[in-house]
């Protein structure tokens, strides 16, 4: 069992920044990959970014150059630094660790 708790969401103006955090607990030693997904109103959940055990990172084209995923193994936490936010980044952001999901944190970008 792995528990994931996201935080850091909120309301931000377009062009602004937010940093999301995802704290993992439970059987964390078994986690290989961690990532972020998002779901905008009326749309399907989509991949945003991932970081694997080796430290390699992957990003959706829509966020490349603006978002950065990182991982602090000592704190069992993964972060998503989001810069130059756009209205289309508005969504509920979910943390994923292998097959486990968090409950999400809402990010709203206003114009």
Foldseek 3Di string as FASTA:
>chain_A
DKAKDKDWADEEAAQAKIKMKIAIDDPLVPFFKKAKWWDDPPGDIGGAKMAGNVGDIDGDPVQPPFWDWDADVVRNMIMIIGGNDDQVVFTWMWMDTVHDIYPTDTHGYHD
